[in-house]
Structure formats: structure tokens, C-alpha cells
C-alpha atoms as a PDB file:
ATOM      1  CA  UNK A   1      39.429  75.393 121.192  1.00  0.00           C
ATOM      2  CA  UNK A   2      38.274  73.130 123.730  1.00  0.00           C
ATOM      3  CA  UNK A   3      34.286  72.740 124.990  1.00  0.00           C
ATOM      4  CA  UNK A   4      33.781  74.675 128.176  1.00  0.00           C
ATOM      5  CA  UNK A   5      33.487  72.254 131.264  1.00  0.00           C
ATOM      6  CA  UNK A   6      30.498  72.054 134.038  1.00  0.00           C
ATOM      7  CA  UNK A   7      31.025  74.459 136.526  1.00  0.00           C
ATOM      8  CA  UNK A   8      28.731  72.473 139.202  1.00  0.00           C
ATOM      9  CA  UNK A   9      27.971  69.257 140.140  1.00  0.00           C
ATOM     10  CA  UNK A  10      25.121  69.218 142.579  1.00  0.00           C
ATOM     11  CA  UNK A  11      23.482  66.178 144.282  1.00  0.00           C
ATOM     12  CA  UNK A  12      19.754  66.024 144.646  1.00  0.00           C
ATOM     13  CA  UNK A  13      20.801  66.548 148.127  1.00  0.00           C
ATOM     14  CA  UNK A  14      22.495  69.620 147.517  1.00  0.00           C
ATOM     15  CA  UNK A  15      19.328  71.008 146.050  1.00  0.00           C
ATOM     16  CA  UNK A  16      17.432  73.618 148.105  1.00  0.00           C
ATOM     17  CA  UNK A  17      13.924  74.986 146.976  1.00  0.00           C
ATOM     18  CA  UNK A  18      14.522  78.344 145.435  1.00  0.00           C
ATOM     19  CA  UNK A  19      17.975  77.992 144.556  1.00  0.00           C
ATOM     20  CA  UNK A  20      18.173  79.827 140.964  1.00  0.00           C
ATOM     21  CA  UNK A  21      20.392  80.145 138.071  1.00  0.00           C
ATOM     22  CA  UNK A  22      20.069  82.846 135.487  1.00  0.00           C
ATOM     23  CA  UNK A  23      21.340  83.215 132.034  1.00  0.00           C
ATOM     24  CA  UNK A  24      21.549  86.103 129.692  1.00  0.00           C
ATOM     25  CA  UNK A  25      21.645  85.375 126.079  1.00  0.00           C
ATOM     26  CA  UNK A  26      21.052  87.081 122.890  1.00  0.00           C
ATOM     27  CA  UNK A  27      19.340  85.295 119.847  1.00  0.00           C
ATOM     28  CA  UNK A  28      21.329  86.235 115.973  1.00  0.00           C
ATOM     29  CA  UNK A  29      21.012  85.692 113.002  1.00  0.00           C
ATOM     30  CA  UNK A  30      23.546  83.094 112.685  1.00  0.00           C
ATOM     31  CA  UNK A  31      21.994  81.117 115.702  1.00  0.00           C
ATOM     32  CA  UNK A  32      18.066  81.366 113.644  1.00  0.00           C
ATOM     33  CA  UNK A  33      20.234  79.619 110.378  1.00  0.00           C
ATOM     34  CA  UNK A  34      22.089  76.714 112.705  1.00  0.00           C
ATOM     35  CA  UNK A  35      18.643  76.013 114.365  1.00  0.00           C
ATOM     36  CA  UNK A  36      17.363  75.614 111.303  1.00  0.00           C
ATOM     37  CA  UNK A  37      19.463  73.351 110.238  1.00  0.00           C
ATOM     38  CA  UNK A  38      19.536  71.154 112.727  1.00  0.00           C
ATOM     39  CA  UNK A  39      15.982  71.192 113.055  1.00  0.00           C
ATOM     40  CA  UNK A  40      14.855  71.396 109.619  1.00  0.00           C
ATOM     41  CA  UNK A  41      12.527  74.431 110.266  1.00  0.00           C
ATOM     42  CA  UNK A  42      12.819  77.623 108.153  1.00  0.00           C
ATOM     43  CA  UNK A  43       9.403  78.894 108.343  1.00  0.00           C
ATOM     44  CA  UNK A  44       9.783  82.492 106.801  1.00  0.00           C
ATOM     45  CA  UNK A  45       8.663  84.302 110.023  1.00  0.00           C
ATOM     46  CA  UNK A  46      12.358  83.130 111.416  1.00  0.00           C
ATOM     47  CA  UNK A  47      14.267  84.448 107.756  1.00  0.00           C
ATOM     48  CA  UNK A  48      12.039  86.557 105.534  1.00  0.00           C
ATOM     49  CA  UNK A  49      11.899  90.091 106.770  1.00  0.00           C
ATOM     50  CA  UNK A  50       9.055  90.817 103.948  1.00  0.00           C
ATOM     51  CA  UNK A  51       7.281  88.059 104.673  1.00  0.00           C
ATOM     52  CA  UNK A  52       7.653  88.341 108.653  1.00  0.00           C
ATOM     53  CA  UNK A  53       6.731  92.031 108.610  1.00  0.00           C
ATOM     54  CA  UNK A  54       3.090  90.986 107.477  1.00  0.00           C
ATOM     55  CA  UNK A  55       2.516  88.682 110.393  1.00  0.00           C
ATOM     56  CA  UNK A  56       1.330  89.440 113.677  1.00  0.00           C
ATOM     57  CA  UNK A  57       5.163  89.996 115.175  1.00  0.00           C
ATOM     58  CA  UNK A  58       5.688  92.760 112.486  1.00  0.00           C
ATOM     59  CA  UNK A  59       9.372  90.896 111.942  1.00  0.00           C
ATOM     60  CA  UNK A  60      11.146  88.199 111.847  1.00  0.00           C
ATOM     61  CA  UNK A  61      11.133  86.341 114.916  1.00  0.00           C
ATOM     62  CA  UNK A  62      13.798  83.462 116.715  1.00  0.00           C
ATOM     63  CA  UNK A  63      12.477  79.686 116.970  1.00  0.00           C
ATOM     64  CA  UNK A  64      10.885  79.638 120.592  1.00  0.00           C
ATOM     65  CA  UNK A  65      12.969  76.235 120.962  1.00  0.00           C
ATOM     66  CA  UNK A  66      16.305  78.406 120.565  1.00  0.00           C
ATOM     67  CA  UNK A  67      15.170  80.018 123.770  1.00  0.00           C
ATOM     68  CA  UNK A  68      13.966  76.133 125.496  1.00  0.00           C
ATOM     69  CA  UNK A  69      17.370  74.722 125.141  1.00  0.00           C
ATOM     70  CA  UNK A  70      18.878  77.603 126.583  1.00  0.00           C
ATOM     71  CA  UNK A  71      17.832  75.282 130.085  1.00  0.00           C
ATOM     72  CA  UNK A  72      19.991  72.753 128.233  1.00  0.00           C
ATOM     73  CA  UNK A  73      22.907  74.229 128.833  1.00  0.00           C
ATOM     74  CA  UNK A  74      21.919  75.805 132.729  1.00  0.00           C
ATOM     75  CA  UNK A  75      21.136  71.856 133.632  1.00  0.00           C
ATOM     76  CA  UNK A  76      24.482  70.819 132.308  1.00  0.00           C
ATOM     77  CA  UNK A  77      26.740  73.254 132.756  1.00  0.00           C
ATOM     78  CA  UNK A  78      25.467  75.116 136.420  1.00  0.00           C
ATOM     79  CA  UNK A  79      22.137  74.058 138.267  1.00  0.00           C
ATOM     80  CA  UNK A  80      22.483  71.169 138.687  1.00  0.00           C
ATOM     81  CA  UNK A  81      25.586  70.538 136.479  1.00  0.00           C
ATOM     82  CA  UNK A  82      27.629  67.514 135.632  1.00  0.00           C
ATOM     83  CA  UNK A  83      25.838  64.654 135.227  1.00  0.00           C
ATOM     84  CA  UNK A  84      22.338  65.591 135.263  1.00  0.00           C
ATOM     85  CA  UNK A  85      19.713  64.501 133.211  1.00  0.00           C
ATOM     86  CA  UNK A  86      16.429  66.190 131.861  1.00  0.00           C
ATOM     87  CA  UNK A  87      13.981  63.756 132.210  1.00  0.00           C
ATOM     88  CA  UNK A  88      10.749  66.065 131.075  1.00  0.00           C
ATOM     89  CA  UNK A  89      10.082  69.854 130.215  1.00  0.00           C
ATOM     90  CA  UNK A  90       6.586  72.013 129.838  1.00  0.00           C
ATOM     91  CA  UNK A  91       7.090  75.084 127.902  1.00  0.00           C
ATOM     92  CA  UNK A  92       4.076  77.479 127.103  1.00  0.00           C
ATOM     93  CA  UNK A  93       4.900  80.200 124.932  1.00  0.00           C
ATOM     94  CA  UNK A  94       3.784  83.544 125.711  1.00  0.00           C
ATOM     95  CA  UNK A  95       5.423  86.038 123.422  1.00  0.00           C
ATOM     96  CA  UNK A  96       7.959  86.692 120.658  1.00  0.00           C
ATOM     97  CA  UNK A  97      11.667  85.968 120.829  1.00  0.00           C
ATOM     98  CA  UNK A  98      12.711  88.656 118.653  1.00  0.00           C
ATOM     99  CA  UNK A  99      16.347  88.605 116.824  1.00  0.00           C
ATOM    100  CA  UNK A 100      19.290  90.701 118.436  1.00  0.00           C
ATOM    101  CA  UNK A 101      17.341  92.081 121.910  1.00  0.00           C
ATOM    102  CA  UNK A 102      18.378  90.868 125.125  1.00  0.00           C
ATOM    103  CA  UNK A 103      16.762  87.956 127.350  1.00  0.00           C
ATOM    104  CA  UNK A 104      17.080  86.018 130.350  1.00  0.00           C
ATOM    105  CA  UNK A 105      16.411  82.630 131.056  1.00  0.00           C
ATOM    106  CA  UNK A 106      16.083  81.417 134.664  1.00  0.00           C
ATOM    107  CA  UNK A 107      15.933  78.304 136.077  1.00  0.00           C
ATOM    108  CA  UNK A 108      14.824  77.700 139.929  1.00  0.00           C
ATOM    109  CA  UNK A 109      14.108  74.884 141.902  1.00  0.00           C
ATOM    110  CA  UNK A 110      10.095  74.348 142.993  1.00  0.00           C
ATOM    111  CA  UNK A 111      10.646  70.824 144.575  1.00  0.00           C
ATOM    112  CA  UNK A 112      13.148  68.166 145.122  1.00  0.00           C
ATOM    113  CA  UNK A 113      11.703  64.948 145.561  1.00  0.00           C
ATOM    114  CA  UNK A 114      13.702  61.877 146.367  1.00  0.00           C
ATOM    115  CA  UNK A 115      14.812  60.791 143.259  1.00  0.00           C
ATOM    116  CA  UNK A 116      14.334  64.415 141.258  1.00  0.00           C
ATOM    117  CA  UNK A 117      14.311  67.903 141.120  1.00  0.00           C
ATOM    118  CA  UNK A 118      11.721  70.076 139.840  1.00  0.00           C
ATOM    119  CA  UNK A 119      12.326  73.390 138.415  1.00  0.00           C
ATOM    120  CA  UNK A 120      10.572  76.807 137.464  1.00  0.00           C
ATOM    121  CA  UNK A 121      11.826  78.184 133.783  1.00  0.00           C
ATOM    122  CA  UNK A 122      11.163  81.043 132.285  1.00  0.00           C
ATOM    123  CA  UNK A 123      12.296  83.292 129.966  1.00  0.00           C
ATOM    124  CA  UNK A 124      12.231  87.308 130.123  1.00  0.00           C
ATOM    125  CA  UNK A 125      12.835  90.001 127.728  1.00  0.00           C
ATOM    126  CA  UNK A 126      14.975  92.913 128.945  1.00  0.00           C
ATOM    127  CA  UNK A 127      11.499  94.873 130.598  1.00  0.00           C
ATOM    128  CA  UNK A 128      11.134  91.755 132.925  1.00  0.00           C
ATOM    129  CA  UNK A 129       8.464  90.475 130.559  1.00  0.00           C
ATOM    130  CA  UNK A 130       7.601  86.805 130.284  1.00  0.00           C
ATOM    131  CA  UNK A 131       8.427  85.203 126.658  1.00  0.00           C
ATOM    132  CA  UNK A 132       7.954  81.748 128.005  1.00  0.00           C
ATOM    133  CA  UNK A 133       7.721  79.633 130.679  1.00  0.00           C
ATOM    134  CA  UNK A 134       6.935  76.166 132.088  1.00  0.00           C
ATOM    135  CA  UNK A 135       8.587  73.298 134.235  1.00  0.00           C
ATOM    136  CA  UNK A 136      11.153  70.795 133.833  1.00  0.00           C
ATOM    137  CA  UNK A 137      12.141  67.507 135.916  1.00  0.00           C
ATOM    138  CA  UNK A 138      16.197  66.643 136.385  1.00  0.00           C
ATOM    139  CA  UNK A 139      17.971  63.988 137.603  1.00  0.00           C
ATOM    140  CA  UNK A 140      21.165  65.021 139.329  1.00  0.00           C
ATOM    141  CA  UNK A 141      23.949  62.936 139.856  1.00  0.00           C
ATOM    142  CA  UNK A 142      23.600  60.535 142.186  1.00  0.00           C
ATOM    143  CA  UNK A 143      25.745  61.206 145.157  1.00  0.00           C
ATOM    144  CA  UNK A 144      27.071  57.897 144.654  1.00  0.00           C
ATOM    145  CA  UNK A 145      28.722  58.216 141.539  1.00  0.00           C
ATOM    146  CA  UNK A 146      29.700  61.679 142.533  1.00  0.00           C
ATOM    147  CA  UNK A 147      31.769  60.797 145.432  1.00  0.00           C
ATOM    148  CA  UNK A 148      32.614  57.100 143.893  1.00  0.00           C
ATOM    149  CA  UNK A 149      35.131  59.129 141.929  1.00  0.00           C
ATOM    150  CA  UNK A 150      38.403  60.383 142.727  1.00  0.00           C
ATOM    151  CA  UNK A 151      38.758  63.812 143.586  1.00  0.00           C
ATOM    152  CA  UNK A 152      41.536  64.664 140.685  1.00  0.00           C
ATOM    153  CA  UNK A 153      38.944  62.477 138.184  1.00  0.00           C
ATOM    154  CA  UNK A 154      36.067  64.941 139.110  1.00  0.00           C
ATOM    155  CA  UNK A 155      38.135  67.740 138.992  1.00  0.00           C
ATOM    156  CA  UNK A 156      39.129  67.182 135.683  1.00  0.00           C
ATOM    157  CA  UNK A 157      35.452  67.554 134.035  1.00  0.00           C
ATOM    158  CA  UNK A 158      34.990  70.511 136.370  1.00  0.00           C
ATOM    159  CA  UNK A 159      35.631  74.244 135.555  1.00  0.00           C
END
């Protein structure tokens, strides 16, 4: 099966303060395993039930950076989408992310400047409690680049 294609391709001029994208997600044991293989972080808080039940979290938790990575999907696929470059990210972890529970990653345009846009980023659980928050700096595709693409070529890159 081919990789999914971006669903949007917004330039800086098309992003408005308040634009928002919400991405529901659930982190599974398989996700934790894949992330550990990529990162090298096999902390028992993520893998060992007996160890984790004696921690402040009272059970296994997901790597916080898995939730942060959800913003990469938002920025590269939906807002701004195709051609966007993620330039910076701040993050503050507020609560643990449990396995097999529903969460939502939310990005909202906070500021649009001459060359970049700043997005408020947060993830929340099913009750609306924030588990992390921060800000991301994005460099959307330049209008001259997108507008210089033949329409058929642009459409071939988008879903």
C-alpha cells in the first residue's frame, strides 16, 4: 500500500490566526515498541508492568515524544501540509499518556509573520485535560514554489 499523501498545501498567506487542526490518536504497545527501537529508549516505565505499577504513574506510560510526533503528521499533511518545514518546537509534558486510551493532538495558528507561522500545540485526553503543550514554528511552502508547479504535478502530490 502506498504512503498517504498530504491533504493540504497552504502558503503563509492562506494561514489565518485561529486556523486549527485536530488529530485523534491512541498509542498502542506496538507504537511504544517501534518508538523504542527508533529512539533507543527502553525505560521500564514504558515496558515493564511490575516496575511501572510502583512508579508515580501507577502503570506503564507511553514515551511523551510519541505524542509530540503527532504534530509532525499535522504539519506535514494537513496544516500547513505539503512543503511545510518544522523549524522549532517547545514542549512541556503535563501528564502521562497511557496506552490504549484516546487522545487528540491539536495545532492552532497563533501568529502569522513574514516568513513563518507559530502554532499553539497541545494534546488532551478524553476529558479535555492537557497532557502536553507547546509552540511550533512552521515555514509553509512558499507561494512562488507552489504556484510555479504545474497543476497536474501539484494534484499528483496531494490526496
